[in-house]
């Protein structure tokens, strides 16, 4: 499985985008084209394991992910299943950039 770090600097309130990106139960509402189903199977204050049914790079699959939260600005996601390991690293980064842009658009449109 390719390993890479993805960093995105955005012009959105840090606490708002961080909150949105860690409210997993809302992913299916915020980005329904990507996140089809989310089932949290284990959680504590800094680590969450989730079975995610996702549509990524044209494929729909259920994968086990681990989310590590380092407040106030790091959200580390590890795919514990190797499903996406067959795709080129560049394609994965491009898709992640697109997903993050949509999170930012959502944050910009929901700043009440």
Protein backbone atom coordinates (compact mmCIF):
# COMPACT_ATOMS: atom_id res chain seq x y z
CA UNK A 1 0.00 0.00 0.00
CA UNK A 2 1.42 3.39 -0.90
CA UNK A 3 2.22 5.58 2.06
CA UNK A 4 2.12 9.33 1.81
CA UNK A 5 1.33 12.43 3.77
CA UNK A 6 -1.34 14.76 2.52
CA UNK A 7 -1.31 18.35 3.73
CA UNK A 8 -3.73 21.01 2.60
CA UNK A 9 -3.68 24.65 3.62
CA UNK A 10 -7.09 26.25 3.31
CA UNK A 11 -8.67 29.62 3.99
CA UNK A 12 -11.24 28.34 6.49
CA UNK A 13 -11.42 28.67 10.24
CA UNK A 14 -9.14 25.91 11.58
CA UNK A 15 -11.48 24.80 14.36
CA UNK A 16 -14.46 24.65 11.99
CA UNK A 17 -12.76 22.54 9.33
CA UNK A 18 -11.24 20.30 11.98
CA UNK A 19 -14.64 19.74 13.60
CA UNK A 20 -16.25 18.96 10.23
CA UNK A 21 -13.47 16.56 9.28
CA UNK A 22 -13.85 14.61 12.52
CA UNK A 23 -17.65 14.36 12.68
CA UNK A 24 -17.66 11.03 10.87
CA UNK A 25 -21.37 10.41 11.26
CA UNK A 26 -21.99 13.41 8.97
CA UNK A 27 -19.70 12.32 6.13
CA UNK A 28 -22.55 10.58 4.29
CA UNK A 29 -24.51 13.85 4.38
CA UNK A 30 -21.62 16.18 3.58
CA UNK A 31 -20.05 14.09 0.78
CA UNK A 32 -22.58 11.45 -0.27
CA UNK A 33 -20.79 10.85 -3.57
CA UNK A 34 -17.78 9.50 -1.66
CA UNK A 35 -19.05 8.24 1.68
CA UNK A 36 -21.91 5.77 1.34
CA UNK A 37 -21.95 4.33 4.87
CA UNK A 38 -19.95 4.84 8.06
CA UNK A 39 -19.94 2.42 10.99
CA UNK A 40 -17.79 3.32 13.99
CA UNK A 41 -16.57 0.10 15.58
CA UNK A 42 -14.17 1.46 18.19
CA UNK A 43 -13.60 4.96 19.54
CA UNK A 44 -11.82 6.90 22.21
CA UNK A 45 -10.79 10.55 22.46
CA UNK A 46 -7.92 10.32 19.95
CA UNK A 47 -8.48 7.14 17.90
CA UNK A 48 -11.47 5.94 15.92
CA UNK A 49 -11.83 2.79 13.80
CA UNK A 50 -14.52 2.87 11.16
CA UNK A 51 -15.88 0.54 8.52
CA UNK A 52 -16.44 2.93 5.63
CA UNK A 53 -18.31 2.12 2.46
CA UNK A 54 -16.71 4.54 0.04
CA UNK A 55 -16.74 5.39 -3.61
CA UNK A 56 -13.14 6.20 -4.41
CA UNK A 57 -11.50 6.38 -7.82
CA UNK A 58 -14.56 4.91 -9.46
CA UNK A 59 -14.88 1.90 -7.14
CA UNK A 60 -17.22 1.27 -4.24
CA UNK A 61 -15.89 -0.85 -1.41
CA UNK A 62 -15.99 -1.23 2.35
CA UNK A 63 -12.67 -0.59 4.05
CA UNK A 64 -11.52 -0.46 7.65
CA UNK A 65 -9.89 2.84 8.54
CA UNK A 66 -8.23 4.21 11.63
CA UNK A 67 -8.48 7.93 12.33
CA UNK A 68 -5.97 9.45 14.75
CA UNK A 69 -6.89 12.90 15.99
CA UNK A 70 -4.16 15.29 17.10
CA UNK A 71 -5.90 18.53 18.02
CA UNK A 72 -5.98 21.20 16.81
CA UNK A 73 -4.85 20.47 13.28
CA UNK A 74 -3.91 16.87 12.47
CA UNK A 75 -6.28 14.15 11.33
CA UNK A 76 -4.30 11.07 10.32
CA UNK A 77 -6.20 8.44 8.36
CA UNK A 78 -4.79 4.96 7.83
CA UNK A 79 -6.52 2.46 5.59
CA UNK A 80 -6.09 -0.83 7.38
CA UNK A 81 -7.38 -2.72 4.33
CA UNK A 82 -5.12 -2.71 1.26
CA UNK A 83 -7.86 -2.15 -1.31
CA UNK A 84 -6.53 1.14 -2.61
CA UNK A 85 -2.93 -0.01 -2.72
CA UNK A 86 -3.32 -0.96 -6.33
CA UNK A 87 -3.85 2.59 -7.51
CA UNK A 88 -1.07 4.97 -8.42
CA UNK A 89 0.00 7.27 -5.62
CA UNK A 90 -0.69 10.32 -7.81
CA UNK A 91 -4.30 9.27 -8.40
CA UNK A 92 -4.89 8.79 -4.68
CA UNK A 93 -3.45 12.23 -3.88
CA UNK A 94 -5.53 13.87 -6.60
CA UNK A 95 -8.70 12.23 -5.29
CA UNK A 96 -7.90 13.21 -1.69
CA UNK A 97 -7.33 16.79 -2.83
CA UNK A 98 -10.77 16.77 -4.48
CA UNK A 99 -12.41 15.37 -1.33
CA UNK A 100 -10.70 17.98 0.87
CA UNK A 101 -11.81 20.77 -1.48
CA UNK A 102 -15.38 19.59 -1.05
CA UNK A 103 -15.01 19.59 2.77
CA UNK A 104 -13.71 23.18 2.50
CA UNK A 105 -16.62 24.18 0.24
CA UNK A 106 -19.01 22.68 2.78
CA UNK A 107 -17.31 24.57 5.63
CA UNK A 108 -17.41 27.85 3.69
CA UNK A 109 -21.11 27.41 2.95
CA UNK A 110 -22.04 26.44 6.53
CA UNK A 111 -20.37 29.07 8.69
CA UNK A 112 -23.25 30.23 10.82
